[in-house]
PDB file of N, CA and C in Angstrom:
ATOM      1  N   UNK A   1       0.901  -0.954   0.146  1.00  0.00           N
ATOM      2  CA  UNK A   1       0.202   0.106  -0.062  1.00  0.00           C
ATOM      3  C   UNK A   1       1.029   1.136  -0.078  1.00  0.00           C
ATOM      4  N   UNK A   2       0.573   2.282  -0.678  1.00  0.00           N
ATOM      5  CA  UNK A   2       1.492   3.793  -0.609  1.00  0.00           C
ATOM      6  C   UNK A   2       0.915   4.598   0.235  1.00  0.00           C
ATOM      7  N   UNK A   3       1.634   5.107   0.580  1.00  0.00           N
ATOM      8  CA  UNK A   3       1.038   6.426   1.629  1.00  0.00           C
ATOM      9  C   UNK A   3       1.161   7.731   1.111  1.00  0.00           C
ATOM     10  N   UNK A   4       0.279   8.274   1.349  1.00  0.00           N
ATOM     11  CA  UNK A   4       0.199  10.079   0.337  1.00  0.00           C
ATOM     12  C   UNK A   4       0.955  11.012   1.519  1.00  0.00           C
ATOM     13  N   UNK A   5       1.635  11.852   0.971  1.00  0.00           N
ATOM     14  CA  UNK A   5       2.229  12.982   1.830  1.00  0.00           C
ATOM     15  C   UNK A   5       1.840  13.389   2.403  1.00  0.00           C
ATOM     16  N   UNK A   6       2.005  13.726   3.794  1.00  0.00           N
ATOM     17  CA  UNK A   6       1.004  14.192   4.935  1.00  0.00           C
ATOM     18  C   UNK A   6       1.622  15.907   4.700  1.00  0.00           C
ATOM     19  N   UNK A   7       3.177  16.184   4.314  1.00  0.00           N
ATOM     20  CA  UNK A   7       3.239  17.441   4.282  1.00  0.00           C
ATOM     21  C   UNK A   7       3.214  18.147   2.755  1.00  0.00           C
ATOM     22  N   UNK A   8       3.071  19.446   2.684  1.00  0.00           N
ATOM     23  CA  UNK A   8       2.670  19.965   1.439  1.00  0.00           C
ATOM     24  C   UNK A   8       4.107  20.409   0.789  1.00  0.00           C
ATOM     25  N   UNK A   9       4.169  19.671  -0.479  1.00  0.00           N
ATOM     26  CA  UNK A   9       5.533  19.665  -1.408  1.00  0.00           C
ATOM     27  C   UNK A   9       6.175  21.532  -1.149  1.00  0.00           C
ATOM     28  N   UNK A  10       7.351  21.974  -0.903  1.00  0.00           N
ATOM     29  CA  UNK A  10       7.455  23.206  -1.280  1.00  0.00           C
ATOM     30  C   UNK A  10       7.555  23.353  -2.906  1.00  0.00           C
ATOM     31  N   UNK A  11       7.196  24.875  -2.951  1.00  0.00           N
ATOM     32  CA  UNK A  11       7.361  25.343  -4.378  1.00  0.00           C
ATOM     33  C   UNK A  11       8.831  25.600  -4.664  1.00  0.00           C
ATOM     34  N   UNK A  12       9.443  25.428  -5.775  1.00  0.00           N
ATOM     35  CA  UNK A  12      10.434  25.134  -6.586  1.00  0.00           C
ATOM     36  C   UNK A  12      10.555  26.808  -7.075  1.00  0.00           C
ATOM     37  N   UNK A  13      11.239  27.638  -6.702  1.00  0.00           N
ATOM     38  CA  UNK A  13      11.357  28.811  -7.588  1.00  0.00           C
ATOM     39  C   UNK A  13      12.391  28.608  -8.629  1.00  0.00           C
ATOM     40  N   UNK A  14      11.547  28.537  -9.748  1.00  0.00           N
ATOM     41  CA  UNK A  14      12.515  28.829 -10.810  1.00  0.00           C
ATOM     42  C   UNK A  14      12.998  30.352 -11.704  1.00  0.00           C
ATOM     43  N   UNK A  15      14.222  29.803 -12.059  1.00  0.00           N
ATOM     44  CA  UNK A  15      14.716  31.153 -12.823  1.00  0.00           C
ATOM     45  C   UNK A  15      14.139  31.575 -14.072  1.00  0.00           C
ATOM     46  N   UNK A  16      13.505  32.205 -14.470  1.00  0.00           N
ATOM     47  CA  UNK A  16      13.131  32.696 -15.715  1.00  0.00           C
ATOM     48  C   UNK A  16      14.066  32.893 -16.700  1.00  0.00           C
ATOM     49  N   UNK A  17      14.165  32.911 -18.067  1.00  0.00           N
ATOM     50  CA  UNK A  17      15.247  33.727 -19.018  1.00  0.00           C
ATOM     51  C   UNK A  17      14.129  33.946 -19.894  1.00  0.00           C
ATOM     52  N   UNK A  18      14.590  34.414 -20.776  1.00  0.00           N
ATOM     53  CA  UNK A  18      14.231  35.369 -22.144  1.00  0.00           C
ATOM     54  C   UNK A  18      15.270  36.087 -22.908  1.00  0.00           C
ATOM     55  N   UNK A  19      15.358  35.477 -23.880  1.00  0.00           N
ATOM     56  CA  UNK A  19      16.536  36.018 -24.850  1.00  0.00           C
ATOM     57  C   UNK A  19      15.912  35.547 -26.460  1.00  0.00           C
ATOM     58  N   UNK A  20      16.440  36.598 -27.527  1.00  0.00           N
ATOM     59  CA  UNK A  20      16.333  36.274 -28.881  1.00  0.00           C
ATOM     60  C   UNK A  20      17.202  36.383 -29.398  1.00  0.00           C
ATOM     61  N   UNK A  21      17.058  36.202 -30.709  1.00  0.00           N
ATOM     62  CA  UNK A  21      18.450  35.807 -31.347  1.00  0.00           C
ATOM     63  C   UNK A  21      18.962  36.674 -31.952  1.00  0.00           C
ATOM     64  N   UNK A  22      18.170  37.876 -32.555  1.00  0.00           N
ATOM     65  CA  UNK A  22      18.330  39.288 -33.142  1.00  0.00           C
ATOM     66  C   UNK A  22      17.542  40.063 -32.511  1.00  0.00           C
ATOM     67  N   UNK A  23      18.385  41.123 -32.320  1.00  0.00           N
ATOM     68  CA  UNK A  23      17.561  42.565 -31.856  1.00  0.00           C
ATOM     69  C   UNK A  23      17.070  43.709 -33.175  1.00  0.00           C
ATOM     70  N   UNK A  24      17.465  43.426 -34.158  1.00  0.00           N
ATOM     71  CA  UNK A  24      16.915  44.263 -35.263  1.00  0.00           C
ATOM     72  C   UNK A  24      16.767  43.510 -37.014  1.00  0.00           C
ATOM     73  N   UNK A  25      15.632  44.039 -37.488  1.00  0.00           N
ATOM     74  CA  UNK A  25      14.800  43.289 -38.745  1.00  0.00           C
ATOM     75  C   UNK A  25      15.606  44.295 -39.468  1.00  0.00           C
ATOM     76  N   UNK A  26      16.415  44.405 -40.527  1.00  0.00           N
ATOM     77  CA  UNK A  26      15.950  45.590 -41.862  1.00  0.00           C
ATOM     78  C   UNK A  26      15.192  44.751 -42.900  1.00  0.00           C
ATOM     79  N   UNK A  27      14.517  45.509 -42.935  1.00  0.00           N
ATOM     80  CA  UNK A  27      12.806  44.983 -44.010  1.00  0.00           C
ATOM     81  C   UNK A  27      13.346  45.893 -45.559  1.00  0.00           C
ATOM     82  N   UNK A  28      12.909  45.432 -46.485  1.00  0.00           N
ATOM     83  CA  UNK A  28      13.142  46.227 -47.885  1.00  0.00           C
ATOM     84  C   UNK A  28      11.930  46.704 -47.841  1.00  0.00           C
ATOM     85  N   UNK A  29      11.611  47.826 -49.021  1.00  0.00           N
ATOM     86  CA  UNK A  29      10.160  48.103 -48.876  1.00  0.00           C
ATOM     87  C   UNK A  29       9.061  47.191 -49.396  1.00  0.00           C
ATOM     88  N   UNK A  30       9.686  46.246 -50.061  1.00  0.00           N
ATOM     89  CA  UNK A  30       8.252  45.254 -50.240  1.00  0.00           C
ATOM     90  C   UNK A  30       7.917  44.600 -49.048  1.00  0.00           C
ATOM     91  N   UNK A  31       8.804  44.555 -48.027  1.00  0.00           N
ATOM     92  CA  UNK A  31       7.689  43.958 -47.058  1.00  0.00           C
ATOM     93  C   UNK A  31       7.994  42.404 -46.925  1.00  0.00           C
ATOM     94  N   UNK A  32       7.474  41.804 -46.185  1.00  0.00           N
ATOM     95  CA  UNK A  32       7.473  40.424 -46.238  1.00  0.00           C
ATOM     96  C   UNK A  32       7.828  39.711 -44.651  1.00  0.00           C
ATOM     97  N   UNK A  33       7.689  38.318 -44.739  1.00  0.00           N
ATOM     98  CA  UNK A  33       7.986  37.755 -43.316  1.00  0.00           C
ATOM     99  C   UNK A  33       9.307  37.324 -42.886  1.00  0.00           C
ATOM    100  N   UNK A  34       9.521  37.788 -41.778  1.00  0.00           N
ATOM    101  CA  UNK A  34      10.606  37.643 -41.005  1.00  0.00           C
ATOM    102  C   UNK A  34      11.132  36.777 -39.823  1.00  0.00           C
ATOM    103  N   UNK A  35      11.646  35.736 -39.534  1.00  0.00           N
ATOM    104  CA  UNK A  35      11.732  35.091 -38.151  1.00  0.00           C
ATOM    105  C   UNK A  35      12.532  35.201 -37.252  1.00  0.00           C
ATOM    106  N   UNK A  36      12.164  35.363 -36.029  1.00  0.00           N
ATOM    107  CA  UNK A  36      13.210  36.015 -34.893  1.00  0.00           C
ATOM    108  C   UNK A  36      13.173  34.287 -33.789  1.00  0.00           C
ATOM    109  N   UNK A  37      14.119  33.877 -33.315  1.00  0.00           N
ATOM    110  CA  UNK A  37      14.083  32.862 -32.575  1.00  0.00           C
ATOM    111  C   UNK A  37      13.995  33.366 -31.149  1.00  0.00           C
ATOM    112  N   UNK A  38      13.095  33.290 -30.264  1.00  0.00           N
ATOM    113  CA  UNK A  38      12.909  33.080 -29.169  1.00  0.00           C
ATOM    114  C   UNK A  38      13.124  32.299 -27.884  1.00  0.00           C
ATOM    115  N   UNK A  39      14.136  32.444 -27.213  1.00  0.00           N
ATOM    116  CA  UNK A  39      14.364  31.055 -26.048  1.00  0.00           C
ATOM    117  C   UNK A  39      13.935  31.295 -24.792  1.00  0.00           C
ATOM    118  N   UNK A  40      12.880  30.580 -23.780  1.00  0.00           N
ATOM    119  CA  UNK A  40      12.331  31.119 -22.956  1.00  0.00           C
ATOM    120  C   UNK A  40      11.661  29.748 -22.218  1.00  0.00           C
ATOM    121  N   UNK A  41      11.762  30.234 -20.845  1.00  0.00           N
ATOM    122  CA  UNK A  41      11.597  28.990 -19.908  1.00  0.00           C
ATOM    123  C   UNK A  41       9.622  29.328 -19.135  1.00  0.00           C
ATOM    124  N   UNK A  42       9.250  30.430 -20.259  1.00  0.00           N
ATOM    125  CA  UNK A  42       8.061  30.748 -19.629  1.00  0.00           C
ATOM    126  C   UNK A  42       7.147  31.599 -20.420  1.00  0.00           C
ATOM    127  N   UNK A  43       5.932  31.881 -19.647  1.00  0.00           N
ATOM    128  CA  UNK A  43       4.882  32.446 -20.624  1.00  0.00           C
ATOM    129  C   UNK A  43       5.394  33.806 -21.026  1.00  0.00           C
ATOM    130  N   UNK A  44       5.208  34.356 -22.206  1.00  0.00           N
ATOM    131  CA  UNK A  44       5.588  35.911 -23.162  1.00  0.00           C
ATOM    132  C   UNK A  44       4.319  36.388 -23.438  1.00  0.00           C
ATOM    133  N   UNK A  45       4.697  37.601 -23.626  1.00  0.00           N
ATOM    134  CA  UNK A  45       4.135  38.402 -24.193  1.00  0.00           C
ATOM    135  C   UNK A  45       4.748  39.554 -25.296  1.00  0.00           C
ATOM    136  N   UNK A  46       4.178  39.903 -26.583  1.00  0.00           N
ATOM    137  CA  UNK A  46       4.833  41.023 -27.178  1.00  0.00           C
ATOM    138  C   UNK A  46       3.864  42.265 -27.400  1.00  0.00           C
ATOM    139  N   UNK A  47       4.271  43.209 -27.321  1.00  0.00           N
ATOM    140  CA  UNK A  47       4.117  44.445 -27.232  1.00  0.00           C
ATOM    141  C   UNK A  47       4.134  45.200 -28.798  1.00  0.00           C
ATOM    142  N   UNK A  48       3.362  46.115 -29.254  1.00  0.00           N
ATOM    143  CA  UNK A  48       3.695  46.399 -30.471  1.00  0.00           C
ATOM    144  C   UNK A  48       3.626  48.130 -30.550  1.00  0.00           C
ATOM    145  N   UNK A  49       2.887  48.257 -29.399  1.00  0.00           N
ATOM    146  CA  UNK A  49       2.867  49.994 -29.418  1.00  0.00           C
ATOM    147  C   UNK A  49       1.868  50.467 -30.065  1.00  0.00           C
ATOM    148  N   UNK A  50       2.030  51.343 -31.092  1.00  0.00           N
ATOM    149  CA  UNK A  50       1.158  51.812 -32.417  1.00  0.00           C
ATOM    150  C   UNK A  50       1.733  51.588 -33.450  1.00  0.00           C
ATOM    151  N   UNK A  51       2.388  50.260 -33.782  1.00  0.00           N
ATOM    152  CA  UNK A  51       2.758  50.157 -35.013  1.00  0.00           C
ATOM    153  C   UNK A  51       1.789  49.423 -35.780  1.00  0.00           C
ATOM    154  N   UNK A  52       1.201  49.865 -36.856  1.00  0.00           N
ATOM    155  CA  UNK A  52       0.302  49.297 -37.557  1.00  0.00           C
ATOM    156  C   UNK A  52       0.679  48.221 -38.617  1.00  0.00           C
ATOM    157  N   UNK A  53       2.119  48.185 -39.023  1.00  0.00           N
ATOM    158  CA  UNK A  53       2.369  47.690 -40.116  1.00  0.00           C
ATOM    159  C   UNK A  53       3.278  46.638 -40.193  1.00  0.00           C
ATOM    160  N   UNK A  54       3.359  46.069 -38.707  1.00  0.00           N
ATOM    161  CA  UNK A  54       4.161  44.994 -38.372  1.00  0.00           C
ATOM    162  C   UNK A  54       2.467  43.889 -37.675  1.00  0.00           C
ATOM    163  N   UNK A  55       2.288  42.737 -38.680  1.00  0.00           N
ATOM    164  CA  UNK A  55       1.783  41.965 -37.760  1.00  0.00           C
ATOM    165  C   UNK A  55       2.161  40.805 -36.686  1.00  0.00           C
ATOM    166  N   UNK A  56       2.037  40.256 -35.581  1.00  0.00           N
ATOM    167  CA  UNK A  56       2.242  38.725 -35.498  1.00  0.00           C
ATOM    168  C   UNK A  56       1.351  38.000 -35.223  1.00  0.00           C
ATOM    169  N   UNK A  57       1.263  36.485 -35.557  1.00  0.00           N
ATOM    170  CA  UNK A  57       0.529  35.372 -35.204  1.00  0.00           C
ATOM    171  C   UNK A  57       0.029  35.240 -33.989  1.00  0.00           C
ATOM    172  N   UNK A  58       1.193  35.649 -32.791  1.00  0.00           N
ATOM    173  CA  UNK A  58       0.805  35.356 -31.583  1.00  0.00           C
ATOM    174  C   UNK A  58       1.705  36.271 -30.943  1.00  0.00           C
ATOM    175  N   UNK A  59       0.381  36.985 -29.949  1.00  0.00           N
ATOM    176  CA  UNK A  59       1.047  37.909 -29.209  1.00  0.00           C
ATOM    177  C   UNK A  59       1.152  37.518 -27.756  1.00  0.00           C
ATOM    178  N   UNK A  60       0.700  36.177 -27.307  1.00  0.00           N
ATOM    179  CA  UNK A  60       1.522  35.263 -26.173  1.00  0.00           C
ATOM    180  C   UNK A  60       1.859  34.047 -26.517  1.00  0.00           C
ATOM    181  N   UNK A  61       2.589  33.477 -25.887  1.00  0.00           N
ATOM    182  CA  UNK A  61       2.758  32.281 -25.795  1.00  0.00           C
ATOM    183  C   UNK A  61       3.630  31.457 -24.738  1.00  0.00           C
ATOM    184  N   UNK A  62       3.953  30.696 -24.546  1.00  0.00           N
ATOM    185  CA  UNK A  62       4.652  29.849 -23.697  1.00  0.00           C
ATOM    186  C   UNK A  62       5.880  28.818 -24.114  1.00  0.00           C
ATOM    187  N   UNK A  63       7.055  29.398 -24.059  1.00  0.00           N
ATOM    188  CA  UNK A  63       7.993  28.570 -24.288  1.00  0.00           C
ATOM    189  C   UNK A  63       8.965  28.891 -25.578  1.00  0.00           C
ATOM    190  N   UNK A  64       9.875  28.133 -26.015  1.00  0.00           N
ATOM    191  CA  UNK A  64      10.548  28.708 -27.471  1.00  0.00           C
ATOM    192  C   UNK A  64       9.567  28.520 -28.435  1.00  0.00           C
ATOM    193  N   UNK A  65      10.050  29.676 -29.153  1.00  0.00           N
ATOM    194  CA  UNK A  65       9.177  29.843 -30.525  1.00  0.00           C
ATOM    195  C   UNK A  65       9.888  30.345 -31.653  1.00  0.00           C
ATOM    196  N   UNK A  66       9.793  30.132 -32.585  1.00  0.00           N
ATOM    197  CA  UNK A  66      10.182  30.906 -34.093  1.00  0.00           C
ATOM    198  C   UNK A  66       9.043  31.694 -34.293  1.00  0.00           C
ATOM    199  N   UNK A  67       9.373  33.336 -33.884  1.00  0.00           N
ATOM    200  CA  UNK A  67       8.125  34.280 -34.184  1.00  0.00           C
ATOM    201  C   UNK A  67       8.251  34.840 -35.203  1.00  0.00           C
ATOM    202  N   UNK A  68       6.968  34.649 -36.338  1.00  0.00           N
ATOM    203  CA  UNK A  68       7.270  35.317 -37.218  1.00  0.00           C
ATOM    204  C   UNK A  68       6.694  36.588 -37.449  1.00  0.00           C
ATOM    205  N   UNK A  69       7.605  37.394 -38.084  1.00  0.00           N
ATOM    206  CA  UNK A  69       6.722  38.680 -37.993  1.00  0.00           C
ATOM    207  C   UNK A  69       6.419  39.136 -39.606  1.00  0.00           C
ATOM    208  N   UNK A  70       5.232  39.529 -39.790  1.00  0.00           N
ATOM    209  CA  UNK A  70       4.925  39.808 -41.102  1.00  0.00           C
ATOM    210  C   UNK A  70       5.092  41.636 -41.400  1.00  0.00           C
ATOM    211  N   UNK A  71       5.828  42.300 -42.296  1.00  0.00           N
ATOM    212  CA  UNK A  71       6.180  43.568 -42.421  1.00  0.00           C
ATOM    213  C   UNK A  71       5.341  43.876 -43.711  1.00  0.00           C
ATOM    214  N   UNK A  72       4.285  44.898 -43.782  1.00  0.00           N
ATOM    215  CA  UNK A  72       3.837  45.236 -44.893  1.00  0.00           C
ATOM    216  C   UNK A  72       4.553  46.152 -45.672  1.00  0.00           C
ATOM    217  N   UNK A  73       4.456  46.039 -47.025  1.00  0.00           N
ATOM    218  CA  UNK A  73       4.828  46.987 -47.967  1.00  0.00           C
ATOM    219  C   UNK A  73       4.757  48.452 -47.733  1.00  0.00           C
ATOM    220  N   UNK A  74       5.646  49.237 -47.755  1.00  0.00           N
ATOM    221  CA  UNK A  74       6.020  50.204 -47.409  1.00  0.00           C
ATOM    222  C   UNK A  74       6.088  51.551 -48.727  1.00  0.00           C
ATOM    223  N   UNK A  75       5.021  52.145 -49.215  1.00  0.00           N
ATOM    224  CA  UNK A  75       4.810  52.853 -50.322  1.00  0.00           C
ATOM    225  C   UNK A  75       5.559  54.317 -49.966  1.00  0.00           C
ATOM    226  N   UNK A  76       6.007  54.859 -49.070  1.00  0.00           N
ATOM    227  CA  UNK A  76       5.964  56.108 -48.167  1.00  0.00           C
ATOM    228  C   UNK A  76       7.571  56.102 -47.915  1.00  0.00           C
ATOM    229  N   UNK A  77       7.921  56.954 -47.307  1.00  0.00           N
ATOM    230  CA  UNK A  77       9.304  57.013 -46.177  1.00  0.00           C
ATOM    231  C   UNK A  77       9.857  55.832 -45.555  1.00  0.00           C
ATOM    232  N   UNK A  78      11.336  56.006 -45.499  1.00  0.00           N
ATOM    233  CA  UNK A  78      11.676  54.876 -44.178  1.00  0.00           C
ATOM    234  C   UNK A  78      11.042  55.248 -42.872  1.00  0.00           C
ATOM    235  N   UNK A  79      10.976  53.796 -42.180  1.00  0.00           N
ATOM    236  CA  UNK A  79      10.260  53.944 -40.964  1.00  0.00           C
ATOM    237  C   UNK A  79      10.659  52.684 -40.210  1.00  0.00           C
ATOM    238  N   UNK A  80      10.365  52.799 -38.574  1.00  0.00           N
ATOM    239  CA  UNK A  80      11.035  52.054 -38.223  1.00  0.00           C
ATOM    240  C   UNK A  80      10.236  52.306 -36.961  1.00  0.00           C
ATOM    241  N   UNK A  81      10.088  51.000 -36.007  1.00  0.00           N
ATOM    242  CA  UNK A  81       9.910  50.801 -34.799  1.00  0.00           C
ATOM    243  C   UNK A  81      10.054  49.506 -34.050  1.00  0.00           C
ATOM    244  N   UNK A  82      10.052  49.505 -32.710  1.00  0.00           N
ATOM    245  CA  UNK A  82      10.147  48.528 -31.482  1.00  0.00           C
ATOM    246  C   UNK A  82       9.009  47.597 -30.936  1.00  0.00           C
ATOM    247  N   UNK A  83       9.508  46.601 -30.897  1.00  0.00           N
ATOM    248  CA  UNK A  83       8.648  45.683 -30.441  1.00  0.00           C
ATOM    249  C   UNK A  83       9.506  45.040 -29.446  1.00  0.00           C
ATOM    250  N   UNK A  84       8.254  45.088 -28.397  1.00  0.00           N
ATOM    251  CA  UNK A  84       9.082  44.716 -26.863  1.00  0.00           C
ATOM    252  C   UNK A  84       8.647  43.246 -26.642  1.00  0.00           C
ATOM    253  N   UNK A  85       9.594  42.313 -26.367  1.00  0.00           N
ATOM    254  CA  UNK A  85       8.935  40.932 -26.024  1.00  0.00           C
ATOM    255  C   UNK A  85       9.414  40.854 -24.238  1.00  0.00           C
ATOM    256  N   UNK A  86       8.247  40.478 -23.547  1.00  0.00           N
ATOM    257  CA  UNK A  86       8.850  40.277 -22.141  1.00  0.00           C
ATOM    258  C   UNK A  86       8.147  39.036 -21.481  1.00  0.00           C
ATOM    259  N   UNK A  87       8.627  39.115 -20.246  1.00  0.00           N
ATOM    260  CA  UNK A  87       7.788  38.106 -19.742  1.00  0.00           C
ATOM    261  C   UNK A  87       6.624  38.232 -19.014  1.00  0.00           C
ATOM    262  N   UNK A  88       5.335  37.429 -19.063  1.00  0.00           N
ATOM    263  CA  UNK A  88       4.276  37.628 -18.563  1.00  0.00           C
ATOM    264  C   UNK A  88       4.048  39.320 -17.253  1.00  0.00           C
ATOM    265  N   UNK A  89       4.975  38.850 -16.506  1.00  0.00           N
ATOM    266  CA  UNK A  89       5.236  39.625 -15.417  1.00  0.00           C
ATOM    267  C   UNK A  89       6.029  40.596 -15.814  1.00  0.00           C
ATOM    268  N   UNK A  90       6.823  40.916 -16.761  1.00  0.00           N
ATOM    269  CA  UNK A  90       7.385  41.791 -17.101  1.00  0.00           C
ATOM    270  C   UNK A  90       8.538  42.215 -16.610  1.00  0.00           C
ATOM    271  N   UNK A  91       9.166  40.873 -15.729  1.00  0.00           N
ATOM    272  CA  UNK A  91      10.922  40.984 -15.276  1.00  0.00           C
ATOM    273  C   UNK A  91      11.675  41.307 -16.021  1.00  0.00           C
ATOM    274  N   UNK A  92      11.578  40.671 -17.424  1.00  0.00           N
ATOM    275  CA  UNK A  92      12.644  40.260 -18.739  1.00  0.00           C
ATOM    276  C   UNK A  92      11.911  40.877 -19.652  1.00  0.00           C
ATOM    277  N   UNK A  93      12.665  41.952 -20.435  1.00  0.00           N
ATOM    278  CA  UNK A  93      12.361  42.111 -21.409  1.00  0.00           C
ATOM    279  C   UNK A  93      13.271  42.511 -22.665  1.00  0.00           C
ATOM    280  N   UNK A  94      12.903  42.134 -23.747  1.00  0.00           N
ATOM    281  CA  UNK A  94      14.033  42.233 -25.055  1.00  0.00           C
ATOM    282  C   UNK A  94      13.368  43.399 -26.095  1.00  0.00           C
ATOM    283  N   UNK A  95      14.370  44.023 -26.620  1.00  0.00           N
ATOM    284  CA  UNK A  95      13.394  44.775 -27.611  1.00  0.00           C
ATOM    285  C   UNK A  95      14.149  44.229 -29.544  1.00  0.00           C
ATOM    286  N   UNK A  96      12.698  44.632 -30.109  1.00  0.00           N
ATOM    287  CA  UNK A  96      13.736  43.898 -31.417  1.00  0.00           C
ATOM    288  C   UNK A  96      12.945  45.757 -32.351  1.00  0.00           C
ATOM    289  N   UNK A  97      14.175  46.239 -33.144  1.00  0.00           N
ATOM    290  CA  UNK A  97      13.759  47.167 -33.952  1.00  0.00           C
ATOM    291  C   UNK A  97      13.746  46.897 -34.933  1.00  0.00           C
ATOM    292  N   UNK A  98      12.346  47.278 -35.930  1.00  0.00           N
ATOM    293  CA  UNK A  98      12.330  46.998 -37.227  1.00  0.00           C
ATOM    294  C   UNK A  98      12.358  48.262 -37.819  1.00  0.00           C
ATOM    295  N   UNK A  99      13.479  47.864 -38.923  1.00  0.00           N
ATOM    296  CA  UNK A  99      13.534  49.297 -40.023  1.00  0.00           C
ATOM    297  C   UNK A  99      13.046  48.692 -41.246  1.00  0.00           C
ATOM    298  N   UNK A 100      12.463  49.783 -41.954  1.00  0.00           N
ATOM    299  CA  UNK A 100      12.123  49.541 -43.159  1.00  0.00           C
ATOM    300  C   UNK A 100      12.187  50.881 -44.034  1.00  0.00           C
ATOM    301  N   UNK A 101      13.277  50.379 -45.394  1.00  0.00           N
ATOM    302  CA  UNK A 101      13.242  51.530 -46.422  1.00  0.00           C
ATOM    303  C   UNK A 101      11.975  52.034 -46.942  1.00  0.00           C
ATOM    304  N   UNK A 102      11.883  52.787 -47.565  1.00  0.00           N
ATOM    305  CA  UNK A 102      10.541  53.360 -48.243  1.00  0.00           C
ATOM    306  C   UNK A 102      10.723  53.200 -49.762  1.00  0.00           C
ATOM    307  N   UNK A 103      10.197  53.679 -50.543  1.00  0.00           N
ATOM    308  CA  UNK A 103      10.162  53.581 -52.032  1.00  0.00           C
ATOM    309  C   UNK A 103      10.595  55.079 -52.601  1.00  0.00           C
TER     310      UNK A 103
END
């Protein structure tokens, strides 16, 4: 017969980590898809601010991820924006700058 635990098991304090394999993307004026590898052991979120010319499939995810960033065509002047990738509690953040040439 197996006996159950009479004490509560202690919580394990896991050290969170988050890193991206590139801190910038240089997109041409035609736009397209670009991939960034995210290495993490926790739940994360992506904040785009007011950048409306960049789309992401997943704004929240858990664990390692190939993050695909879609940049729309640019018919105007050069532009740039910064995405912030962070842990859910925002204790760790990484910034990704996207710069796109104009026509």
